[in-house]
Amino acid sequence: MSKVERTGNRQLRSIVYGASSDIHGKGVFASRDIDGGEYIGTFAGPEVRRDGEYVLWVYESEDDGDPVGRSGRNLLRFLNHASPGNAGFDGFDLYAEGNIAQDEEITIDYGDEL
């Protein structure tokens, strides 16, 4: 079964919403229960060459030394940091690391650069 990509805010709102966060500023929250391993959405935006606010860097392969950056334009740009996070990226696609309850904030581990 192939996944139906969620890139636009209208598509993402079937599974997440943005709201004020106790962690930092605005966050992303589950609008329904999300199962572990479930596809949440795709971090969408134009490709960039410089770092900035809401930029996600992804290494396309382990051999490639140059990451690809996207400047977030959808709700996923508001993902906040937690260690460990309850979601993680596979490329630009976000998946639940475990079960996420409705109204729980969805977080990712920003890694060592935080």
PDB file of N, CA and C in Angstrom:
ATOM      1  N   MET A   1       0.841  -1.171   0.000  1.00  0.00           N
ATOM      2  CA  MET A   1       0.000   0.000   0.000  1.00  0.00           C
ATOM      3  C   MET A   1       0.891   1.240   0.000  1.00  0.00           C
ATOM      4  N   SER A   2       0.632   2.179  -0.895  1.00  0.00           N
ATOM      5  CA  SER A   2       1.444   3.385  -0.953  1.00  0.00           C
ATOM      6  C   SER A   2       0.819   4.478  -0.088  1.00  0.00           C
ATOM      7  N   LYS A   3       1.655   5.316   0.443  1.00  0.00           N
ATOM      8  CA  LYS A   3       1.160   6.397   1.290  1.00  0.00           C
ATOM      9  C   LYS A   3       0.635   7.535   0.423  1.00  0.00           C
ATOM     10  N   VAL A   4      -0.319   8.260   0.933  1.00  0.00           N
ATOM     11  CA  VAL A   4      -0.809   9.467   0.283  1.00  0.00           C
ATOM     12  C   VAL A   4      -0.051  10.621   0.929  1.00  0.00           C
ATOM     13  N   GLU A   5       0.773  11.306   0.143  1.00  0.00           N
ATOM     14  CA  GLU A   5       1.601  12.368   0.700  1.00  0.00           C
ATOM     15  C   GLU A   5       0.766  13.493   1.274  1.00  0.00           C
ATOM     16  N   ARG A   6       1.208  13.972   2.423  1.00  0.00           N
ATOM     17  CA  ARG A   6       0.601  15.147   3.044  1.00  0.00           C
ATOM     18  C   ARG A   6       1.672  16.232   3.037  1.00  0.00           C
ATOM     19  N   THR A   7       1.513  17.209   2.161  1.00  0.00           N
ATOM     20  CA  THR A   7       2.479  18.297   2.087  1.00  0.00           C
ATOM     21  C   THR A   7       1.838  19.647   2.394  1.00  0.00           C
ATOM     22  N   GLY A   8       0.591  19.835   1.980  1.00  0.00           N
ATOM     23  CA  GLY A   8      -0.097  21.096   2.218  1.00  0.00           C
ATOM     24  C   GLY A   8      -0.767  21.115   3.580  1.00  0.00           C
ATOM     25  N   ASN A   9      -0.977  22.309   4.112  1.00  0.00           N
ATOM     26  CA  ASN A   9      -1.605  22.427   5.425  1.00  0.00           C
ATOM     27  C   ASN A   9      -2.992  21.811   5.456  1.00  0.00           C
ATOM     28  N   ARG A  10      -3.741  21.931   4.394  1.00  0.00           N
ATOM     29  CA  ARG A  10      -5.081  21.334   4.356  1.00  0.00           C
ATOM     30  C   ARG A  10      -5.000  19.819   4.536  1.00  0.00           C
ATOM     31  N   GLN A  11      -4.045  19.168   3.876  1.00  0.00           N
ATOM     32  CA  GLN A  11      -3.860  17.717   4.011  1.00  0.00           C
ATOM     33  C   GLN A  11      -3.332  17.359   5.396  1.00  0.00           C
ATOM     34  N   LEU A  12      -2.406  18.148   5.902  1.00  0.00           N
ATOM     35  CA  LEU A  12      -1.808  17.873   7.212  1.00  0.00           C
ATOM     36  C   LEU A  12      -2.821  18.001   8.344  1.00  0.00           C
ATOM     37  N   ARG A  13      -3.795  18.898   8.189  1.00  0.00           N
ATOM     38  CA  ARG A  13      -4.763  19.115   9.268  1.00  0.00           C
ATOM     39  C   ARG A  13      -5.633  17.902   9.553  1.00  0.00           C
ATOM     40  N   SER A  14      -5.603  16.904   8.689  1.00  0.00           N
ATOM     41  CA  SER A  14      -6.335  15.675   8.984  1.00  0.00           C
ATOM     42  C   SER A  14      -5.633  14.876  10.082  1.00  0.00           C
ATOM     43  N   ILE A  15      -4.379  15.227  10.377  1.00  0.00           N
ATOM     44  CA  ILE A  15      -3.602  14.461  11.356  1.00  0.00           C
ATOM     45  C   ILE A  15      -2.905  15.350  12.389  1.00  0.00           C
ATOM     46  N   VAL A  16      -2.606  16.626  12.053  1.00  0.00           N
ATOM     47  CA  VAL A  16      -1.933  17.535  12.986  1.00  0.00           C
ATOM     48  C   VAL A  16      -2.559  18.924  12.939  1.00  0.00           C
ATOM     49  N   TYR A  17      -2.246  19.704  13.976  1.00  0.00           N
ATOM     50  CA  TYR A  17      -2.624  21.118  13.985  1.00  0.00           C
ATOM     51  C   TYR A  17      -1.531  21.907  14.703  1.00  0.00           C
ATOM     52  N   GLY A  18      -1.470  23.187  14.456  1.00  0.00           N
ATOM     53  CA  GLY A  18      -0.510  24.048  15.128  1.00  0.00           C
ATOM     54  C   GLY A  18      -1.179  24.787  16.275  1.00  0.00           C
ATOM     55  N   ALA A  19      -0.464  24.938  17.383  1.00  0.00           N
ATOM     56  CA  ALA A  19      -0.983  25.649  18.550  1.00  0.00           C
ATOM     57  C   ALA A  19       0.183  26.106  19.416  1.00  0.00           C
ATOM     58  N   SER A  20      -0.120  26.937  20.400  1.00  0.00           N
ATOM     59  CA  SER A  20       0.882  27.412  21.347  1.00  0.00           C
ATOM     60  C   SER A  20       1.501  26.212  22.079  1.00  0.00           C
ATOM     61  N   SER A  21       2.828  26.251  22.238  1.00  0.00           N
ATOM     62  CA  SER A  21       3.563  25.137  22.834  1.00  0.00           C
ATOM     63  C   SER A  21       4.183  25.529  24.168  1.00  0.00           C
ATOM     64  N   ASP A  22       4.165  24.604  25.122  1.00  0.00           N
ATOM     65  CA  ASP A  22       4.873  24.814  26.380  1.00  0.00           C
ATOM     66  C   ASP A  22       6.380  24.678  26.197  1.00  0.00           C
ATOM     67  N   ILE A  23       6.806  24.047  25.101  1.00  0.00           N
ATOM     68  CA  ILE A  23       8.238  23.861  24.837  1.00  0.00           C
ATOM     69  C   ILE A  23       8.846  25.149  24.293  1.00  0.00           C
ATOM     70  N   HIS A  24       8.217  25.696  23.221  1.00  0.00           N
ATOM     71  CA  HIS A  24       8.740  26.911  22.598  1.00  0.00           C
ATOM     72  C   HIS A  24       7.737  27.429  21.576  1.00  0.00           C
ATOM     73  N   GLY A  25       7.307  28.651  21.731  1.00  0.00           N
ATOM     74  CA  GLY A  25       6.491  29.320  20.722  1.00  0.00           C
ATOM     75  C   GLY A  25       5.285  28.517  20.267  1.00  0.00           C
ATOM     76  N   LYS A  26       5.287  28.194  18.984  1.00  0.00           N
ATOM     77  CA  LYS A  26       4.222  27.404  18.380  1.00  0.00           C
ATOM     78  C   LYS A  26       4.727  25.979  18.181  1.00  0.00           C
ATOM     79  N   GLY A  27       3.835  25.003  18.299  1.00  0.00           N
ATOM     80  CA  GLY A  27       4.201  23.608  18.108  1.00  0.00           C
ATOM     81  C   GLY A  27       3.208  22.894  17.221  1.00  0.00           C
ATOM     82  N   VAL A  28       3.490  21.633  16.948  1.00  0.00           N
ATOM     83  CA  VAL A  28       2.636  20.771  16.130  1.00  0.00           C
ATOM     84  C   VAL A  28       2.052  19.698  17.042  1.00  0.00           C
ATOM     85  N   PHE A  29       0.741  19.505  16.984  1.00  0.00           N
ATOM     86  CA  PHE A  29       0.032  18.589  17.864  1.00  0.00           C
ATOM     87  C   PHE A  29      -0.797  17.598  17.053  1.00  0.00           C
ATOM     88  N   ALA A  30      -0.996  16.411  17.616  1.00  0.00           N
ATOM     89  CA  ALA A  30      -1.778  15.362  16.947  1.00  0.00           C
ATOM     90  C   ALA A  30      -3.264  15.704  17.036  1.00  0.00           C
ATOM     91  N   SER A  31      -3.947  15.742  15.900  1.00  0.00           N
ATOM     92  CA  SER A  31      -5.387  16.016  15.913  1.00  0.00           C
ATOM     93  C   SER A  31      -6.192  14.731  16.097  1.00  0.00           C
ATOM     94  N   ARG A  32      -5.499  13.598  16.112  1.00  0.00           N
ATOM     95  CA  ARG A  32      -6.107  12.288  16.395  1.00  0.00           C
ATOM     96  C   ARG A  32      -4.991  11.385  16.899  1.00  0.00           C
ATOM     97  N   ASP A  33      -5.342  10.226  17.420  1.00  0.00           N
ATOM     98  CA  ASP A  33      -4.313   9.260  17.818  1.00  0.00           C
ATOM     99  C   ASP A  33      -3.519   8.835  16.587  1.00  0.00           C
ATOM    100  N   ILE A  34      -2.196   8.756  16.738  1.00  0.00           N
ATOM    101  CA  ILE A  34      -1.307   8.355  15.649  1.00  0.00           C
ATOM    102  C   ILE A  34      -0.560   7.105  16.101  1.00  0.00           C
ATOM    103  N   ASP A  35      -0.575   6.085  15.276  1.00  0.00           N
ATOM    104  CA  ASP A  35       0.092   4.828  15.598  1.00  0.00           C
ATOM    105  C   ASP A  35       1.592   4.924  15.345  1.00  0.00           C
ATOM    106  N   GLY A  36       2.375   4.200  16.141  1.00  0.00           N
ATOM    107  CA  GLY A  36       3.812   4.120  15.933  1.00  0.00           C
ATOM    108  C   GLY A  36       4.116   3.653  14.526  1.00  0.00           C
ATOM    109  N   GLY A  37       5.040   4.313  13.860  1.00  0.00           N
ATOM    110  CA  GLY A  37       5.430   3.968  12.497  1.00  0.00           C
ATOM    111  C   GLY A  37       4.561   4.614  11.433  1.00  0.00           C
ATOM    112  N   GLU A  38       3.487   5.275  11.843  1.00  0.00           N
ATOM    113  CA  GLU A  38       2.567   5.880  10.872  1.00  0.00           C
ATOM    114  C   GLU A  38       3.189   7.119  10.238  1.00  0.00           C
ATOM    115  N   TYR A  39       2.963   7.267   8.941  1.00  0.00           N
ATOM    116  CA  TYR A  39       3.391   8.453   8.197  1.00  0.00           C
ATOM    117  C   TYR A  39       2.549   9.643   8.656  1.00  0.00           C
ATOM    118  N   ILE A  40       3.212  10.738   9.008  1.00  0.00           N
ATOM    119  CA  ILE A  40       2.512  11.939   9.464  1.00  0.00           C
ATOM    120  C   ILE A  40       2.411  12.956   8.335  1.00  0.00           C
ATOM    121  N   GLY A  41       3.513  13.248   7.681  1.00  0.00           N
ATOM    122  CA  GLY A  41       3.493  14.230   6.600  1.00  0.00           C
ATOM    123  C   GLY A  41       4.884  14.475   6.072  1.00  0.00           C
ATOM    124  N   THR A  42       4.962  15.326   5.062  1.00  0.00           N
ATOM    125  CA  THR A  42       6.222  15.656   4.412  1.00  0.00           C
ATOM    126  C   THR A  42       6.558  17.120   4.644  1.00  0.00           C
ATOM    127  N   PHE A  43       7.790  17.374   5.080  1.00  0.00           N
ATOM    128  CA  PHE A  43       8.288  18.736   5.276  1.00  0.00           C
ATOM    129  C   PHE A  43       8.433  19.357   3.893  1.00  0.00           C
ATOM    130  N   ALA A  44       7.590  20.339   3.581  1.00  0.00           N
ATOM    131  CA  ALA A  44       7.547  20.888   2.230  1.00  0.00           C
ATOM    132  C   ALA A  44       7.988  22.344   2.213  1.00  0.00           C
ATOM    133  N   GLY A  45       8.664  22.699   1.139  1.00  0.00           N
ATOM    134  CA  GLY A  45       9.109  24.065   0.930  1.00  0.00           C
ATOM    135  C   GLY A  45      10.181  24.093  -0.133  1.00  0.00           C
ATOM    136  N   PRO A  46      10.587  25.290  -0.522  1.00  0.00           N
ATOM    137  CA  PRO A  46      11.602  25.401  -1.570  1.00  0.00           C
ATOM    138  C   PRO A  46      12.973  24.954  -1.078  1.00  0.00           C
ATOM    139  N   GLU A  47      13.776  24.451  -2.008  1.00  0.00           N
ATOM    140  CA  GLU A  47      15.144  24.066  -1.691  1.00  0.00           C
ATOM    141  C   GLU A  47      15.961  25.321  -1.421  1.00  0.00           C
ATOM    142  N   VAL A  48      16.837  25.233  -0.413  1.00  0.00           N
ATOM    143  CA  VAL A  48      17.681  26.376  -0.051  1.00  0.00           C
ATOM    144  C   VAL A  48      19.141  25.939   0.030  1.00  0.00           C
ATOM    145  N   ARG A  49      20.025  26.921  -0.019  1.00  0.00           N
ATOM    146  CA  ARG A  49      21.458  26.645   0.084  1.00  0.00           C
ATOM    147  C   ARG A  49      22.059  27.224   1.359  1.00  0.00           C
ATOM    148  N   ARG A  50      21.282  28.057   2.059  1.00  0.00           N
ATOM    149  CA  ARG A  50      21.765  28.672   3.297  1.00  0.00           C
ATOM    150  C   ARG A  50      20.843  28.308   4.446  1.00  0.00           C
ATOM    151  N   ASP A  51      21.432  28.224   5.627  1.00  0.00           N
ATOM    152  CA  ASP A  51      20.651  27.911   6.814  1.00  0.00           C
ATOM    153  C   ASP A  51      19.816  29.117   7.215  1.00  0.00           C
ATOM    154  N   GLY A  52      18.747  28.856   7.905  1.00  0.00           N
ATOM    155  CA  GLY A  52      17.878  29.920   8.371  1.00  0.00           C
ATOM    156  C   GLY A  52      16.764  29.331   9.209  1.00  0.00           C
ATOM    157  N   GLU A  53      15.834  30.177   9.591  1.00  0.00           N
ATOM    158  CA  GLU A  53      14.701  29.737  10.390  1.00  0.00           C
ATOM    159  C   GLU A  53      13.844  28.771   9.577  1.00  0.00           C
ATOM    160  N   TYR A  54      13.430  27.690  10.199  1.00  0.00           N
ATOM    161  CA  TYR A  54      12.556  26.672   9.604  1.00  0.00           C
ATOM    162  C   TYR A  54      13.210  25.902   8.452  1.00  0.00           C
ATOM    163  N   VAL A  55      14.538  25.779   8.451  1.00  0.00           N
ATOM    164  CA  VAL A  55      15.220  25.002   7.416  1.00  0.00           C
ATOM    165  C   VAL A  55      15.534  23.607   7.958  1.00  0.00           C
ATOM    166  N   LEU A  56      15.202  22.596   7.171  1.00  0.00           N
ATOM    167  CA  LEU A  56      15.527  21.211   7.503  1.00  0.00           C
ATOM    168  C   LEU A  56      16.570  20.724   6.511  1.00  0.00           C
ATOM    169  N   TRP A  57      17.669  20.174   7.043  1.00  0.00           N
ATOM    170  CA  TRP A  57      18.754  19.637   6.214  1.00  0.00           C
ATOM    171  C   TRP A  57      18.688  18.118   6.241  1.00  0.00           C
ATOM    172  N   VAL A  58      18.770  17.514   5.053  1.00  0.00           N
ATOM    173  CA  VAL A  58      18.692  16.063   4.922  1.00  0.00           C
ATOM    174  C   VAL A  58      19.832  15.576   4.031  1.00  0.00           C
ATOM    175  N   TYR A  59      20.516  14.524   4.504  1.00  0.00           N
ATOM    176  CA  TYR A  59      21.511  13.859   3.671  1.00  0.00           C
ATOM    177  C   TYR A  59      20.783  12.793   2.871  1.00  0.00           C
ATOM    178  N   GLU A  60      20.862  12.893   1.546  1.00  0.00           N
ATOM    179  CA  GLU A  60      20.109  11.970   0.700  1.00  0.00           C
ATOM    180  C   GLU A  60      20.668  10.559   0.714  1.00  0.00           C
ATOM    181  N   SER A  61      21.955  10.422   0.993  1.00  0.00           N
ATOM    182  CA  SER A  61      22.545   9.090   1.131  1.00  0.00           C
ATOM    183  C   SER A  61      23.700   9.195   2.111  1.00  0.00           C
ATOM    184  N   GLU A  62      24.098   8.060   2.660  1.00  0.00           N
ATOM    185  CA  GLU A  62      25.193   8.052   3.623  1.00  0.00           C
ATOM    186  C   GLU A  62      26.525   8.421   2.985  1.00  0.00           C
ATOM    187  N   ASP A  63      26.650   8.225   1.670  1.00  0.00           N
ATOM    188  CA  ASP A  63      27.889   8.520   0.968  1.00  0.00           C
ATOM    189  C   ASP A  63      28.002   9.986   0.569  1.00  0.00           C
ATOM    190  N   ASP A  64      26.872  10.676   0.499  1.00  0.00           N
ATOM    191  CA  ASP A  64      26.831  12.043   0.010  1.00  0.00           C
ATOM    192  C   ASP A  64      27.186  13.011   1.131  1.00  0.00           C
ATOM    193  N   GLY A  65      28.186  13.853   0.922  1.00  0.00           N
ATOM    194  CA  GLY A  65      28.614  14.795   1.934  1.00  0.00           C
ATOM    195  C   GLY A  65      27.802  16.077   1.964  1.00  0.00           C
ATOM    196  N   ASP A  66      27.024  16.357   0.934  1.00  0.00           N
ATOM    197  CA  ASP A  66      26.278  17.605   0.856  1.00  0.00           C
ATOM    198  C   ASP A  66      24.800  17.374   1.151  1.00  0.00           C
ATOM    199  N   PRO A  67      24.299  17.999   2.225  1.00  0.00           N
ATOM    200  CA  PRO A  67      22.883  17.844   2.537  1.00  0.00           C
ATOM    201  C   PRO A  67      22.015  18.715   1.627  1.00  0.00           C
ATOM    202  N   VAL A  68      20.748  18.360   1.553  1.00  0.00           N
ATOM    203  CA  VAL A  68      19.755  19.138   0.826  1.00  0.00           C
ATOM    204  C   VAL A  68      18.923  19.865   1.876  1.00  0.00           C
ATOM    205  N   GLY A  69      18.715  21.160   1.682  1.00  0.00           N
ATOM    206  CA  GLY A  69      17.934  21.934   2.629  1.00  0.00           C
ATOM    207  C   GLY A  69      16.610  22.381   2.035  1.00  0.00           C
ATOM    208  N   ARG A  70      15.585  22.396   2.867  1.00  0.00           N
ATOM    209  CA  ARG A  70      14.272  22.931   2.482  1.00  0.00           C
ATOM    210  C   ARG A  70      13.851  23.951   3.533  1.00  0.00           C
ATOM    211  N   SER A  71      13.312  25.048   3.057  1.00  0.00           N
ATOM    212  CA  SER A  71      12.746  26.063   3.943  1.00  0.00           C
ATOM    213  C   SER A  71      11.270  25.730   4.134  1.00  0.00           C
ATOM    214  N   GLY A  72      10.897  25.344   5.347  1.00  0.00           N
ATOM    215  CA  GLY A  72       9.547  24.860   5.621  1.00  0.00           C
ATOM    216  C   GLY A  72       8.467  25.877   5.345  1.00  0.00           C
ATOM    217  N   ARG A  73       7.440  25.428   4.648  1.00  0.00           N
ATOM    218  CA  ARG A  73       6.303  26.276   4.329  1.00  0.00           C
ATOM    219  C   ARG A  73       4.987  25.695   4.828  1.00  0.00           C
ATOM    220  N   ASN A  74       5.038  24.513   5.468  1.00  0.00           N
ATOM    221  CA  ASN A  74       3.804  23.931   5.997  1.00  0.00           C
ATOM    222  C   ASN A  74       3.891  23.832   7.520  1.00  0.00           C
ATOM    223  N   LEU A  75       2.861  23.283   8.139  1.00  0.00           N
ATOM    224  CA  LEU A  75       2.794  23.201   9.598  1.00  0.00           C
ATOM    225  C   LEU A  75       3.994  22.512  10.234  1.00  0.00           C
ATOM    226  N   LEU A  76       4.636  21.606   9.524  1.00  0.00           N
ATOM    227  CA  LEU A  76       5.754  20.852  10.108  1.00  0.00           C
ATOM    228  C   LEU A  76       6.950  21.737  10.431  1.00  0.00           C
ATOM    229  N   ARG A  77       6.961  22.968   9.932  1.00  0.00           N
ATOM    230  CA  ARG A  77       8.062  23.876  10.274  1.00  0.00           C
ATOM    231  C   ARG A  77       8.044  24.237  11.756  1.00  0.00           C
ATOM    232  N   PHE A  78       6.921  24.003  12.441  1.00  0.00           N
ATOM    233  CA  PHE A  78       6.799  24.346  13.852  1.00  0.00           C
ATOM    234  C   PHE A  78       7.131  23.188  14.796  1.00  0.00           C
ATOM    235  N   LEU A  79       7.728  22.107  14.289  1.00  0.00           N
ATOM    236  CA  LEU A  79       8.119  20.993  15.158  1.00  0.00           C
ATOM    237  C   LEU A  79       9.163  21.462  16.165  1.00  0.00           C
ATOM    238  N   ASN A  80       8.948  21.138  17.418  1.00  0.00           N
ATOM    239  CA  ASN A  80       9.882  21.499  18.479  1.00  0.00           C
ATOM    240  C   ASN A  80      10.755  20.309  18.861  1.00  0.00           C
ATOM    241  N   HIS A  81      11.825  20.616  19.595  1.00  0.00           N
ATOM    242  CA  HIS A  81      12.816  19.621  20.009  1.00  0.00           C
ATOM    243  C   HIS A  81      12.438  18.940  21.324  1.00  0.00           C
ATOM    244  N   ALA A  82      12.673  17.660  21.377  1.00  0.00           N
ATOM    245  CA  ALA A  82      12.656  16.885  22.615  1.00  0.00           C
ATOM    246  C   ALA A  82      13.634  15.739  22.416  1.00  0.00           C
ATOM    247  N   SER A  83      14.237  15.299  23.498  1.00  0.00           N
ATOM    248  CA  SER A  83      15.156  14.177  23.411  1.00  0.00           C
ATOM    249  C   SER A  83      14.752  13.122  24.440  1.00  0.00           C
ATOM    250  N   PRO A  84      14.243  12.001  23.973  1.00  0.00           N
ATOM    251  CA  PRO A  84      14.008  11.660  22.576  1.00  0.00           C
ATOM    252  C   PRO A  84      12.715  12.296  22.076  1.00  0.00           C
ATOM    253  N   GLY A  85      12.626  12.479  20.779  1.00  0.00           N
ATOM    254  CA  GLY A  85      11.391  12.961  20.169  1.00  0.00           C
ATOM    255  C   GLY A  85      10.421  11.801  19.996  1.00  0.00           C
ATOM    256  N   ASN A  86       9.176  12.106  19.727  1.00  0.00           N
ATOM    257  CA  ASN A  86       8.195  11.048  19.480  1.00  0.00           C
ATOM    258  C   ASN A  86       7.938  10.846  17.992  1.00  0.00           C
ATOM    259  N   ALA A  87       8.699  11.563  17.149  1.00  0.00           N
ATOM    260  CA  ALA A  87       8.612  11.405  15.703  1.00  0.00           C
ATOM    261  C   ALA A  87      10.005  11.608  15.120  1.00  0.00           C
ATOM    262  N   GLY A  88      10.194  11.154  13.894  1.00  0.00           N
ATOM    263  CA  GLY A  88      11.486  11.311  13.242  1.00  0.00           C
ATOM    264  C   GLY A  88      11.329  11.348  11.736  1.00  0.00           C
ATOM    265  N   PHE A  89      12.325  11.923  11.093  1.00  0.00           N
ATOM    266  CA  PHE A  89      12.301  12.055   9.643  1.00  0.00           C
ATOM    267  C   PHE A  89      13.014  10.906   8.962  1.00  0.00           C
ATOM    268  N   ASP A  90      12.455  10.479   7.848  1.00  0.00           N
ATOM    269  CA  ASP A  90      13.101   9.600   6.881  1.00  0.00           C
ATOM    270  C   ASP A  90      13.139  10.432   5.608  1.00  0.00           C
ATOM    271  N   GLY A  91      14.282  11.044   5.338  1.00  0.00           N
ATOM    272  CA  GLY A  91      14.322  12.062   4.291  1.00  0.00           C
ATOM    273  C   GLY A  91      13.504  13.249   4.786  1.00  0.00           C
ATOM    274  N   PHE A  92      12.580  13.719   3.990  1.00  0.00           N
ATOM    275  CA  PHE A  92      11.708  14.820   4.395  1.00  0.00           C
ATOM    276  C   PHE A  92      10.358  14.325   4.895  1.00  0.00           C
ATOM    277  N   ASP A  93      10.173  13.005   4.964  1.00  0.00           N
ATOM    278  CA  ASP A  93       8.919  12.411   5.443  1.00  0.00           C
ATOM    279  C   ASP A  93       8.995  12.177   6.945  1.00  0.00           C
ATOM    280  N   LEU A  94       7.963  12.599   7.672  1.00  0.00           N
ATOM    281  CA  LEU A  94       7.909  12.476   9.127  1.00  0.00           C
ATOM    282  C   LEU A  94       7.057  11.281   9.521  1.00  0.00           C
ATOM    283  N   TYR A  95       7.584  10.450  10.433  1.00  0.00           N
ATOM    284  CA  TYR A  95       6.890   9.258  10.927  1.00  0.00           C
ATOM    285  C   TYR A  95       6.863   9.275  12.450  1.00  0.00           C
ATOM    286  N   ALA A  96       5.802   8.707  13.018  1.00  0.00           N
ATOM    287  CA  ALA A  96       5.701   8.566  14.470  1.00  0.00           C
ATOM    288  C   ALA A  96       6.689   7.500  14.936  1.00  0.00           C
ATOM    289  N   GLU A  97       7.460   7.803  15.973  1.00  0.00           N
ATOM    290  CA  GLU A  97       8.412   6.845  16.539  1.00  0.00           C
ATOM    291  C   GLU A  97       7.711   5.849  17.461  1.00  0.00           C
ATOM    292  N   GLY A  98       6.595   6.239  17.984  1.00  0.00           N
ATOM    293  CA  GLY A  98       5.765   5.411  18.861  1.00  0.00           C
ATOM    294  C   GLY A  98       4.351   5.956  18.785  1.00  0.00           C
ATOM    295  N   ASN A  99       3.464   5.404  19.579  1.00  0.00           N
ATOM    296  CA  ASN A  99       2.102   5.912  19.578  1.00  0.00           C
ATOM    297  C   ASN A  99       2.076   7.344  20.103  1.00  0.00           C
ATOM    298  N   ILE A 100       1.308   8.193  19.444  1.00  0.00           N
ATOM    299  CA  ILE A 100       1.153   9.590  19.848  1.00  0.00           C
ATOM    300  C   ILE A 100      -0.334   9.817  20.087  1.00  0.00           C
ATOM    301  N   ALA A 101      -0.669  10.295  21.283  1.00  0.00           N
ATOM    302  CA  ALA A 101      -2.073  10.500  21.649  1.00  0.00           C
ATOM    303  C   ALA A 101      -2.617  11.796  21.053  1.00  0.00           C
ATOM    304  N   GLN A 102      -3.912  11.813  20.828  1.00  0.00           N
ATOM    305  CA  GLN A 102      -4.574  13.023  20.350  1.00  0.00           C
ATOM    306  C   GLN A 102      -4.229  14.181  21.286  1.00  0.00           C
ATOM    307  N   ASP A 103      -3.923  15.326  20.726  1.00  0.00           N
ATOM    308  CA  ASP A 103      -3.562  16.573  21.416  1.00  0.00           C
ATOM    309  C   ASP A 103      -2.167  16.559  22.046  1.00  0.00           C
ATOM    310  N   GLU A 104      -1.399  15.490  21.863  1.00  0.00           N
ATOM    311  CA  GLU A 104      -0.007  15.450  22.331  1.00  0.00           C
ATOM    312  C   GLU A 104       0.864  16.211  21.335  1.00  0.00           C
ATOM    313  N   GLU A 105       1.854  16.968  21.857  1.00  0.00           N
ATOM    314  CA  GLU A 105       2.762  17.674  20.956  1.00  0.00           C
ATOM    315  C   GLU A 105       3.678  16.671  20.265  1.00  0.00           C
ATOM    316  N   ILE A 106       3.868  16.869  18.980  1.00  0.00           N
ATOM    317  CA  ILE A 106       4.763  16.033  18.186  1.00  0.00           C
ATOM    318  C   ILE A 106       6.120  16.713  18.181  1.00  0.00           C
ATOM    319  N   THR A 107       7.159  15.963  18.566  1.00  0.00           N
ATOM    320  CA  THR A 107       8.503  16.527  18.688  1.00  0.00           C
ATOM    321  C   THR A 107       9.512  15.671  17.943  1.00  0.00           C
ATOM    322  N   ILE A 108      10.624  16.301  17.592  1.00  0.00           N
ATOM    323  CA  ILE A 108      11.747  15.599  16.971  1.00  0.00           C
ATOM    324  C   ILE A 108      13.000  15.934  17.759  1.00  0.00           C
ATOM    325  N   ASP A 109      14.012  15.074  17.652  1.00  0.00           N
ATOM    326  CA  ASP A 109      15.309  15.336  18.268  1.00  0.00           C
ATOM    327  C   ASP A 109      16.144  16.097  17.247  1.00  0.00           C
ATOM    328  N   TYR A 110      16.478  17.343  17.550  1.00  0.00           N
ATOM    329  CA  TYR A 110      17.259  18.168  16.625  1.00  0.00           C
ATOM    330  C   TYR A 110      18.690  17.672  16.473  1.00  0.00           C
ATOM    331  N   GLY A 111      19.135  16.816  17.387  1.00  0.00           N
ATOM    332  CA  GLY A 111      20.488  16.303  17.295  1.00  0.00           C
ATOM    333  C   GLY A 111      21.469  17.123  18.111  1.00  0.00           C
ATOM    334  N   ASP A 112      22.735  16.928  17.842  1.00  0.00           N
ATOM    335  CA  ASP A 112      23.806  17.527  18.631  1.00  0.00           C
ATOM    336  C   ASP A 112      23.966  19.029  18.415  1.00  0.00           C
ATOM    337  N   GLU A 113      23.404  19.578  17.347  1.00  0.00           N
ATOM    338  CA  GLU A 113      23.621  20.984  17.033  1.00  0.00           C
ATOM    339  C   GLU A 113      22.738  21.919  17.842  1.00  0.00           C
ATOM    340  N   LEU A 114      21.832  21.382  18.650  1.00  0.00           N
ATOM    341  CA  LEU A 114      20.906  22.234  19.399  1.00  0.00           C
ATOM    342  C   LEU A 114      21.652  23.132  20.331  1.00  0.00           C
TER     343      LEU A 114
END
